[in-house]
N, C-alpha and C. Protein backbone atom coordinates (compact mmCIF):
# COMPACT_ATOMS: atom_id res chain seq x y z
N MET A 1 -8.39 104.24 -116.32
CA MET A 1 -9.16 103.12 -115.85
C MET A 1 -10.53 103.16 -116.52
N ALA A 2 -11.02 102.03 -116.92
CA ALA A 2 -12.31 101.96 -117.61
C ALA A 2 -13.44 102.22 -116.62
N ALA A 3 -14.56 102.71 -117.19
CA ALA A 3 -15.73 102.99 -116.36
C ALA A 3 -16.30 101.68 -115.82
N ARG A 4 -16.79 101.74 -114.61
CA ARG A 4 -17.33 100.54 -113.97
C ARG A 4 -18.83 100.49 -114.18
N ASP A 5 -19.36 99.29 -114.24
CA ASP A 5 -20.78 99.08 -114.43
C ASP A 5 -21.38 98.68 -113.08
N PRO A 6 -22.23 99.54 -112.48
CA PRO A 6 -22.78 99.22 -111.16
C PRO A 6 -23.64 97.96 -111.16
N ILE A 7 -24.36 97.70 -112.23
CA ILE A 7 -25.21 96.51 -112.29
C ILE A 7 -24.35 95.25 -112.27
N ARG A 8 -23.29 95.25 -113.08
CA ARG A 8 -22.38 94.10 -113.12
C ARG A 8 -21.70 93.91 -111.77
N ASP A 9 -21.31 95.01 -111.14
CA ASP A 9 -20.68 94.91 -109.82
C ASP A 9 -21.65 94.38 -108.78
N PHE A 10 -22.93 94.77 -108.87
CA PHE A 10 -23.93 94.27 -107.93
C PHE A 10 -24.10 92.77 -108.07
N PHE A 11 -24.20 92.29 -109.31
CA PHE A 11 -24.36 90.84 -109.51
C PHE A 11 -23.08 90.09 -109.17
N SER A 12 -21.93 90.72 -109.37
CA SER A 12 -20.67 90.11 -108.96
C SER A 12 -20.62 89.98 -107.44
N PHE A 13 -21.10 91.00 -106.73
CA PHE A 13 -21.14 90.95 -105.28
C PHE A 13 -22.10 89.85 -104.81
N LEU A 14 -23.27 89.74 -105.47
CA LEU A 14 -24.22 88.70 -105.09
C LEU A 14 -23.65 87.31 -105.33
N LEU A 15 -23.02 87.10 -106.48
CA LEU A 15 -22.40 85.81 -106.78
C LEU A 15 -21.30 85.49 -105.77
N GLY A 16 -20.49 86.50 -105.44
CA GLY A 16 -19.45 86.31 -104.43
C GLY A 16 -20.03 85.97 -103.08
N GLY A 17 -21.13 86.62 -102.72
CA GLY A 17 -21.78 86.33 -101.45
C GLY A 17 -22.32 84.91 -101.40
N VAL A 18 -22.87 84.45 -102.51
CA VAL A 18 -23.40 83.08 -102.57
C VAL A 18 -22.26 82.08 -102.45
N LEU A 19 -21.17 82.29 -103.19
CA LEU A 19 -20.02 81.38 -103.12
C LEU A 19 -19.41 81.38 -101.72
N PHE A 20 -19.25 82.56 -101.14
CA PHE A 20 -18.68 82.66 -99.80
C PHE A 20 -19.58 81.96 -98.78
N SER A 21 -20.88 82.17 -98.90
CA SER A 21 -21.82 81.54 -97.97
C SER A 21 -21.81 80.03 -98.10
N MET A 22 -21.73 79.54 -99.33
CA MET A 22 -21.68 78.08 -99.53
C MET A 22 -20.43 77.49 -98.90
N GLY A 23 -19.29 78.13 -99.13
CA GLY A 23 -18.04 77.64 -98.55
C GLY A 23 -18.05 77.68 -97.04
N ALA A 24 -18.56 78.79 -96.48
CA ALA A 24 -18.62 78.90 -95.03
C ALA A 24 -19.58 77.86 -94.44
N PHE A 25 -20.71 77.62 -95.11
CA PHE A 25 -21.65 76.61 -94.63
C PHE A 25 -21.02 75.23 -94.64
N LEU A 26 -20.34 74.88 -95.73
CA LEU A 26 -19.71 73.57 -95.80
C LEU A 26 -18.61 73.42 -94.75
N PHE A 27 -17.85 74.50 -94.52
CA PHE A 27 -16.78 74.44 -93.53
C PHE A 27 -17.35 74.27 -92.13
N PHE A 28 -18.32 75.11 -91.77
CA PHE A 28 -18.88 75.04 -90.42
C PHE A 28 -19.74 73.80 -90.22
N ASN A 29 -20.19 73.20 -91.31
CA ASN A 29 -20.94 71.96 -91.20
C ASN A 29 -20.04 70.80 -90.75
N GLN A 30 -18.74 70.92 -90.95
CA GLN A 30 -17.79 69.89 -90.54
C GLN A 30 -17.36 70.03 -89.09
N VAL A 31 -17.69 71.15 -88.45
CA VAL A 31 -17.28 71.37 -87.07
C VAL A 31 -18.37 70.85 -86.14
N MET A 32 -17.99 69.96 -85.25
CA MET A 32 -18.93 69.40 -84.28
C MET A 32 -18.69 70.08 -82.93
N VAL A 33 -19.76 70.48 -82.29
CA VAL A 33 -19.68 71.18 -81.02
C VAL A 33 -20.40 70.34 -79.97
N SER A 34 -19.74 70.11 -78.85
CA SER A 34 -20.35 69.41 -77.73
C SER A 34 -19.88 70.10 -76.46
N SER A 35 -20.42 69.69 -75.35
CA SER A 35 -20.00 70.29 -74.10
C SER A 35 -19.70 69.20 -73.09
N VAL A 36 -18.90 69.56 -72.12
CA VAL A 36 -18.54 68.66 -71.05
C VAL A 36 -19.64 68.77 -70.00
N PRO A 37 -20.18 67.66 -69.53
CA PRO A 37 -21.16 67.76 -68.45
C PRO A 37 -20.53 68.41 -67.22
N MET A 38 -21.31 69.20 -66.52
CA MET A 38 -20.80 69.93 -65.36
C MET A 38 -20.22 68.97 -64.32
N GLY A 39 -19.04 69.31 -63.84
CA GLY A 39 -18.44 68.56 -62.75
C GLY A 39 -17.62 67.36 -63.20
N LEU A 40 -17.77 66.91 -64.45
CA LEU A 40 -17.00 65.75 -64.88
C LEU A 40 -15.60 66.15 -65.31
N GLY A 41 -15.49 67.14 -66.16
CA GLY A 41 -14.19 67.58 -66.62
C GLY A 41 -13.50 66.49 -67.43
N LEU A 42 -12.22 66.67 -67.68
CA LEU A 42 -11.44 65.69 -68.41
C LEU A 42 -10.77 64.75 -67.43
N ARG A 43 -10.85 63.50 -67.68
CA ARG A 43 -10.22 62.51 -66.79
C ARG A 43 -9.11 61.80 -67.56
N PHE A 44 -7.91 61.89 -67.02
CA PHE A 44 -6.78 61.24 -67.65
C PHE A 44 -6.46 59.94 -66.93
N GLY A 45 -6.05 58.94 -67.64
CA GLY A 45 -5.64 57.69 -67.04
C GLY A 45 -6.80 56.77 -66.74
N ARG A 46 -7.98 57.12 -67.15
CA ARG A 46 -9.17 56.32 -66.89
C ARG A 46 -9.80 55.95 -68.20
N ARG A 47 -10.08 54.71 -68.38
CA ARG A 47 -10.79 54.29 -69.58
C ARG A 47 -12.16 53.80 -69.18
N ALA A 48 -13.07 53.81 -70.12
CA ALA A 48 -14.46 53.46 -69.79
C ALA A 48 -14.56 52.03 -69.28
N ALA A 49 -13.83 51.11 -69.87
CA ALA A 49 -13.96 49.71 -69.49
C ALA A 49 -13.12 49.38 -68.26
N GLY A 50 -12.00 50.07 -68.11
CA GLY A 50 -11.06 49.68 -67.08
C GLY A 50 -11.32 50.24 -65.71
N GLY A 51 -11.78 51.48 -65.62
CA GLY A 51 -11.97 52.10 -64.32
C GLY A 51 -10.63 52.40 -63.67
N TRP A 52 -10.65 52.57 -62.35
CA TRP A 52 -9.42 52.91 -61.66
C TRP A 52 -8.46 51.74 -61.51
N GLY A 53 -8.96 50.56 -61.27
CA GLY A 53 -8.04 49.46 -60.98
C GLY A 53 -7.96 48.44 -62.08
N GLY A 54 -8.64 48.65 -63.19
CA GLY A 54 -8.66 47.66 -64.27
C GLY A 54 -7.48 47.80 -65.20
N ALA A 55 -7.65 47.24 -66.38
CA ALA A 55 -6.56 47.22 -67.35
C ALA A 55 -6.23 48.60 -67.89
N GLY A 56 -7.15 49.53 -67.79
CA GLY A 56 -6.89 50.85 -68.34
C GLY A 56 -6.27 51.82 -67.36
N SER A 57 -6.00 51.40 -66.15
CA SER A 57 -5.47 52.34 -65.16
C SER A 57 -3.96 52.46 -65.30
N ALA A 58 -3.40 53.33 -64.48
CA ALA A 58 -1.96 53.54 -64.51
C ALA A 58 -1.22 52.27 -64.11
N TRP A 59 -1.84 51.46 -63.25
CA TRP A 59 -1.18 50.24 -62.82
C TRP A 59 -1.19 49.19 -63.90
N GLY A 60 -2.13 49.26 -64.81
CA GLY A 60 -2.22 48.24 -65.84
C GLY A 60 -1.68 48.70 -67.18
N GLY A 61 -0.87 49.71 -67.22
CA GLY A 61 -0.24 50.14 -68.47
C GLY A 61 -0.84 51.41 -69.05
N GLY A 62 -1.75 52.08 -68.35
CA GLY A 62 -2.29 53.35 -68.83
C GLY A 62 -1.24 54.44 -68.74
N TRP A 63 -1.56 55.64 -69.21
CA TRP A 63 -0.55 56.68 -69.25
C TRP A 63 -0.79 57.80 -68.25
N GLY A 64 -1.62 57.60 -67.25
CA GLY A 64 -1.82 58.65 -66.27
C GLY A 64 -2.13 58.05 -64.93
N GLY A 65 -2.12 58.88 -63.92
CA GLY A 65 -2.39 58.40 -62.59
C GLY A 65 -3.84 58.53 -62.18
N GLY A 66 -4.72 58.79 -63.10
CA GLY A 66 -6.12 58.91 -62.77
C GLY A 66 -6.48 60.26 -62.19
N PHE A 67 -5.70 61.30 -62.48
CA PHE A 67 -6.03 62.61 -61.94
C PHE A 67 -7.06 63.29 -62.83
N GLY A 68 -7.84 64.15 -62.24
CA GLY A 68 -8.89 64.86 -62.98
C GLY A 68 -8.52 66.32 -63.13
N MET A 69 -8.85 66.88 -64.28
CA MET A 69 -8.61 68.29 -64.52
C MET A 69 -9.96 68.93 -64.81
N SER A 70 -10.40 69.79 -63.93
CA SER A 70 -11.71 70.37 -64.13
C SER A 70 -11.68 71.34 -65.31
N GLN A 71 -12.75 71.33 -66.06
CA GLN A 71 -12.87 72.22 -67.20
C GLN A 71 -14.26 72.83 -67.15
N GLY A 72 -14.36 74.09 -67.46
CA GLY A 72 -15.66 74.71 -67.48
C GLY A 72 -15.92 75.50 -66.22
N LEU A 73 -17.18 75.63 -65.88
CA LEU A 73 -17.58 76.53 -64.81
C LEU A 73 -17.39 75.93 -63.43
N GLY A 74 -17.71 74.67 -63.26
CA GLY A 74 -17.51 74.03 -61.98
C GLY A 74 -18.37 74.62 -60.87
N GLY A 75 -17.83 74.64 -59.64
CA GLY A 75 -18.59 75.05 -58.48
C GLY A 75 -18.78 76.55 -58.34
N GLY A 76 -17.94 77.39 -58.93
CA GLY A 76 -18.04 78.83 -58.77
C GLY A 76 -19.04 79.49 -59.68
N PHE A 77 -19.76 78.72 -60.46
CA PHE A 77 -20.71 79.28 -61.42
C PHE A 77 -21.82 80.06 -60.72
N GLY A 78 -22.32 79.56 -59.63
CA GLY A 78 -23.40 80.22 -58.91
C GLY A 78 -22.98 81.54 -58.28
N LEU A 79 -21.69 81.69 -57.98
CA LEU A 79 -21.22 82.93 -57.39
C LEU A 79 -21.36 84.11 -58.33
N LEU A 80 -21.39 83.86 -59.64
CA LEU A 80 -21.57 84.95 -60.60
C LEU A 80 -22.98 85.52 -60.55
N LEU A 81 -23.90 84.79 -59.98
CA LEU A 81 -25.27 85.29 -59.89
C LEU A 81 -25.42 86.36 -58.81
N ILE A 82 -24.49 86.42 -57.84
CA ILE A 82 -24.57 87.42 -56.77
C ILE A 82 -24.36 88.83 -57.32
N PRO A 83 -23.25 89.11 -58.07
CA PRO A 83 -23.13 90.47 -58.61
C PRO A 83 -24.23 90.80 -59.64
N LEU A 84 -24.73 89.78 -60.33
CA LEU A 84 -25.83 90.03 -61.26
C LEU A 84 -27.07 90.50 -60.51
N THR A 85 -27.38 89.85 -59.40
CA THR A 85 -28.53 90.23 -58.60
C THR A 85 -28.35 91.62 -57.98
N ILE A 86 -27.16 91.91 -57.49
CA ILE A 86 -26.88 93.23 -56.92
C ILE A 86 -27.00 94.30 -58.00
N GLY A 87 -26.50 94.01 -59.20
CA GLY A 87 -26.59 94.97 -60.29
C GLY A 87 -28.03 95.26 -60.69
N VAL A 88 -28.86 94.23 -60.77
CA VAL A 88 -30.27 94.43 -61.10
C VAL A 88 -30.95 95.24 -59.99
N CYS A 89 -30.62 94.96 -58.77
CA CYS A 89 -31.17 95.71 -57.64
C CYS A 89 -30.78 97.19 -57.74
N LEU A 90 -29.51 97.47 -58.05
CA LEU A 90 -29.06 98.85 -58.19
C LEU A 90 -29.75 99.55 -59.36
N LEU A 91 -30.00 98.83 -60.45
CA LEU A 91 -30.69 99.44 -61.58
C LEU A 91 -32.08 99.92 -61.22
N PHE A 92 -32.77 99.17 -60.38
CA PHE A 92 -34.13 99.55 -60.01
C PHE A 92 -34.17 100.53 -58.83
N ALA A 93 -33.11 100.60 -58.02
CA ALA A 93 -33.16 101.39 -56.80
C ALA A 93 -32.57 102.79 -56.96
N LEU A 94 -31.57 102.96 -57.79
CA LEU A 94 -30.83 104.23 -57.84
C LEU A 94 -31.11 104.99 -59.12
N ARG A 95 -30.92 106.28 -59.01
CA ARG A 95 -31.01 107.11 -60.23
C ARG A 95 -29.72 107.02 -61.03
N ASN A 96 -28.60 107.09 -60.35
CA ASN A 96 -27.31 106.95 -61.02
C ASN A 96 -27.03 105.46 -61.18
N GLN A 97 -27.22 104.95 -62.36
CA GLN A 97 -27.23 103.51 -62.58
C GLN A 97 -25.93 102.97 -63.18
N ARG A 98 -24.85 103.73 -63.13
CA ARG A 98 -23.59 103.26 -63.74
C ARG A 98 -23.08 101.97 -63.11
N TRP A 99 -23.08 101.91 -61.78
CA TRP A 99 -22.59 100.71 -61.10
C TRP A 99 -23.50 99.53 -61.37
N GLY A 100 -24.79 99.78 -61.43
CA GLY A 100 -25.73 98.70 -61.72
C GLY A 100 -25.50 98.11 -63.10
N TRP A 101 -25.38 98.99 -64.09
CA TRP A 101 -25.12 98.51 -65.45
C TRP A 101 -23.78 97.79 -65.53
N PHE A 102 -22.77 98.33 -64.83
CA PHE A 102 -21.46 97.68 -64.84
C PHE A 102 -21.55 96.26 -64.27
N LEU A 103 -22.21 96.11 -63.13
CA LEU A 103 -22.32 94.78 -62.51
C LEU A 103 -23.13 93.82 -63.38
N VAL A 104 -24.21 94.29 -63.97
CA VAL A 104 -25.04 93.43 -64.82
C VAL A 104 -24.25 92.99 -66.05
N LEU A 105 -23.63 93.94 -66.74
CA LEU A 105 -22.91 93.61 -67.98
C LEU A 105 -21.68 92.74 -67.69
N ALA A 106 -20.96 93.04 -66.61
CA ALA A 106 -19.79 92.22 -66.27
C ALA A 106 -20.21 90.80 -65.90
N SER A 107 -21.30 90.65 -65.17
CA SER A 107 -21.76 89.31 -64.78
C SER A 107 -22.24 88.52 -65.99
N VAL A 108 -22.98 89.17 -66.88
CA VAL A 108 -23.46 88.47 -68.08
C VAL A 108 -22.28 88.08 -68.96
N ALA A 109 -21.28 88.96 -69.08
CA ALA A 109 -20.10 88.63 -69.88
C ALA A 109 -19.34 87.45 -69.26
N ALA A 110 -19.19 87.45 -67.94
CA ALA A 110 -18.49 86.35 -67.28
C ALA A 110 -19.27 85.04 -67.44
N LEU A 111 -20.60 85.10 -67.36
CA LEU A 111 -21.41 83.90 -67.56
C LEU A 111 -21.27 83.37 -68.99
N ALA A 112 -21.25 84.29 -69.96
CA ALA A 112 -21.11 83.87 -71.36
C ALA A 112 -19.74 83.22 -71.60
N VAL A 113 -18.70 83.81 -71.02
CA VAL A 113 -17.36 83.23 -71.17
C VAL A 113 -17.31 81.86 -70.51
N GLY A 114 -17.95 81.72 -69.36
CA GLY A 114 -17.97 80.43 -68.68
C GLY A 114 -18.69 79.35 -69.47
N VAL A 115 -19.79 79.73 -70.12
CA VAL A 115 -20.51 78.76 -70.94
C VAL A 115 -19.68 78.39 -72.16
N LEU A 116 -19.04 79.37 -72.79
CA LEU A 116 -18.21 79.08 -73.96
C LEU A 116 -17.00 78.22 -73.60
N GLN A 117 -16.54 78.33 -72.35
CA GLN A 117 -15.40 77.52 -71.91
C GLN A 117 -15.74 76.04 -71.87
N THR A 118 -16.97 75.70 -71.67
CA THR A 118 -17.34 74.30 -71.57
C THR A 118 -17.53 73.65 -72.93
N LEU A 119 -17.49 74.42 -74.00
CA LEU A 119 -17.70 73.85 -75.33
C LEU A 119 -16.44 73.18 -75.84
N ILE A 120 -16.63 72.07 -76.51
CA ILE A 120 -15.54 71.36 -77.16
C ILE A 120 -15.85 71.34 -78.66
N MET A 121 -14.95 71.88 -79.46
CA MET A 121 -15.15 71.92 -80.91
C MET A 121 -14.13 71.01 -81.57
N SER A 122 -14.61 70.20 -82.50
CA SER A 122 -13.70 69.32 -83.23
C SER A 122 -14.12 69.31 -84.70
N PHE A 123 -13.13 69.15 -85.55
CA PHE A 123 -13.36 69.12 -86.99
C PHE A 123 -13.51 67.67 -87.41
N GLN A 124 -14.63 67.33 -88.03
CA GLN A 124 -14.87 65.96 -88.45
C GLN A 124 -13.94 65.59 -89.61
N PRO A 125 -13.57 64.33 -89.70
CA PRO A 125 -12.72 63.90 -90.82
C PRO A 125 -13.40 64.16 -92.16
N THR A 126 -12.63 64.67 -93.09
CA THR A 126 -13.13 64.95 -94.43
C THR A 126 -12.01 64.70 -95.42
N SER A 127 -12.36 64.62 -96.67
CA SER A 127 -11.33 64.40 -97.69
C SER A 127 -10.63 65.72 -98.02
N LEU A 128 -9.44 65.60 -98.58
CA LEU A 128 -8.69 66.79 -98.98
C LEU A 128 -9.45 67.55 -100.05
N TRP A 129 -10.11 66.84 -100.96
CA TRP A 129 -10.88 67.48 -102.02
C TRP A 129 -11.99 68.36 -101.43
N ASN A 130 -12.70 67.83 -100.44
CA ASN A 130 -13.76 68.61 -99.81
C ASN A 130 -13.20 69.84 -99.11
N LEU A 131 -12.08 69.70 -98.41
CA LEU A 131 -11.48 70.83 -97.72
C LEU A 131 -11.02 71.89 -98.71
N LEU A 132 -10.38 71.47 -99.81
CA LEU A 132 -9.94 72.43 -100.83
C LEU A 132 -11.14 73.12 -101.49
N THR A 133 -12.22 72.37 -101.69
CA THR A 133 -13.43 72.97 -102.27
C THR A 133 -13.99 74.03 -101.33
N MET A 134 -14.02 73.74 -100.04
CA MET A 134 -14.53 74.71 -99.07
C MET A 134 -13.71 76.00 -99.12
N PHE A 135 -12.39 75.88 -99.07
CA PHE A 135 -11.55 77.07 -99.06
C PHE A 135 -11.56 77.78 -100.41
N ALA A 136 -11.70 77.05 -101.51
CA ALA A 136 -11.80 77.70 -102.82
C ALA A 136 -13.09 78.51 -102.92
N LEU A 137 -14.19 77.97 -102.41
CA LEU A 137 -15.45 78.72 -102.43
C LEU A 137 -15.35 79.97 -101.55
N ILE A 138 -14.77 79.83 -100.37
CA ILE A 138 -14.63 80.99 -99.49
C ILE A 138 -13.72 82.04 -100.12
N GLY A 139 -12.59 81.62 -100.67
CA GLY A 139 -11.64 82.56 -101.28
C GLY A 139 -12.18 83.24 -102.53
N SER A 140 -12.80 82.46 -103.42
CA SER A 140 -13.32 83.07 -104.66
C SER A 140 -14.50 83.98 -104.35
N GLY A 141 -15.36 83.58 -103.42
CA GLY A 141 -16.48 84.43 -103.05
C GLY A 141 -16.02 85.73 -102.41
N GLY A 142 -15.06 85.63 -101.51
CA GLY A 142 -14.52 86.84 -100.89
C GLY A 142 -13.84 87.75 -101.89
N GLY A 143 -13.11 87.16 -102.85
CA GLY A 143 -12.45 87.95 -103.89
C GLY A 143 -13.45 88.69 -104.77
N LEU A 144 -14.52 88.00 -105.17
CA LEU A 144 -15.55 88.66 -105.99
C LEU A 144 -16.23 89.79 -105.22
N MET A 145 -16.49 89.57 -103.95
CA MET A 145 -17.14 90.61 -103.16
C MET A 145 -16.22 91.82 -102.99
N PHE A 146 -14.94 91.60 -102.71
CA PHE A 146 -14.02 92.72 -102.55
C PHE A 146 -13.82 93.46 -103.87
N ARG A 147 -13.72 92.72 -104.97
CA ARG A 147 -13.52 93.37 -106.26
C ARG A 147 -14.70 94.25 -106.64
N SER A 148 -15.92 93.79 -106.31
CA SER A 148 -17.08 94.59 -106.66
C SER A 148 -17.22 95.82 -105.77
N LEU A 149 -16.58 95.82 -104.61
CA LEU A 149 -16.66 96.97 -103.70
C LEU A 149 -15.50 97.94 -103.86
N MET A 150 -14.57 97.67 -104.76
CA MET A 150 -13.44 98.57 -104.95
C MET A 150 -13.94 99.94 -105.39
N ALA A 151 -13.18 100.97 -105.04
CA ALA A 151 -13.60 102.35 -105.32
C ALA A 151 -13.68 102.60 -106.82
N TYR A 152 -14.70 103.34 -107.19
CA TYR A 152 -14.85 103.77 -108.58
C TYR A 152 -13.97 104.98 -108.79
N ASP A 153 -13.04 104.89 -109.74
CA ASP A 153 -12.20 106.03 -110.07
C ASP A 153 -11.99 106.04 -111.58
N ASP A 154 -12.94 106.66 -112.26
CA ASP A 154 -12.83 106.70 -113.72
C ASP A 154 -12.33 108.05 -114.21
N GLY A 155 -11.75 108.85 -113.34
CA GLY A 155 -11.18 110.13 -113.73
C GLY A 155 -12.07 111.30 -113.45
N LYS A 156 -13.37 111.13 -113.37
CA LYS A 156 -14.28 112.24 -113.12
C LYS A 156 -14.04 112.85 -111.75
N ASP A 157 -13.85 112.01 -110.74
CA ASP A 157 -13.61 112.52 -109.40
C ASP A 157 -12.31 113.31 -109.35
N ARG A 158 -11.29 112.82 -110.02
CA ARG A 158 -10.01 113.49 -110.04
C ARG A 158 -10.14 114.85 -110.72
N GLN A 159 -10.87 114.91 -111.86
CA GLN A 159 -11.06 116.18 -112.56
C GLN A 159 -11.86 117.16 -111.72
N ASP A 160 -12.87 116.67 -111.00
CA ASP A 160 -13.65 117.55 -110.14
C ASP A 160 -12.79 118.11 -109.01
N ARG A 161 -11.93 117.30 -108.43
CA ARG A 161 -11.05 117.78 -107.36
C ARG A 161 -10.07 118.83 -107.87
N GLU A 162 -9.51 118.57 -109.06
CA GLU A 162 -8.57 119.52 -109.62
C GLU A 162 -9.27 120.81 -109.98
N GLY A 163 -10.52 120.74 -110.45
CA GLY A 163 -11.28 121.94 -110.80
C GLY A 163 -11.59 122.77 -109.57
N ARG A 164 -11.85 122.14 -108.42
CA ARG A 164 -12.14 122.87 -107.18
C ARG A 164 -10.87 123.53 -106.62
N ASP A 165 -9.73 122.86 -106.81
CA ASP A 165 -8.48 123.44 -106.30
C ASP A 165 -8.07 124.69 -107.08
N ASP A 166 -8.42 124.78 -108.35
CA ASP A 166 -8.03 125.93 -109.17
C ASP A 166 -8.83 127.16 -108.79
N HIS A 167 -10.05 127.02 -108.32
CA HIS A 167 -10.88 128.19 -108.04
C HIS A 167 -10.61 128.75 -106.72
């Protein structure tokens, strides 16, 4: 195997990082994130103009009976603050703080999951050319970065290992 040039590999890694970053930016720029207002959830069988008894309802040819499906945190969100408060209290009151840390970290994790549950992510319409360009930039950038990080094995390491085994 030919000797590797660290300078060339460094610039190859930088170029790969730039290409990968450009592709990732373009891809994530197409993703729109919104959230559902608390308590509204998804409503099926209801249209904005029709309401419950208008043309958009189940009676007027809609496809649902107007039932609601709650999404997100809803009414139990405040209950997560109780173990958080108890955990903070235990952290300040006790020397052995394992239970306090457990309650604080578990409550914060549950709150984070609840907030993430309310997010709605959608991919905006784009052309096939733009999508292929995004994935080509991500793939070529990742390939250049991985190639520049491959292990150097120009035979010297192998000779050194064999020399140590003989002694």
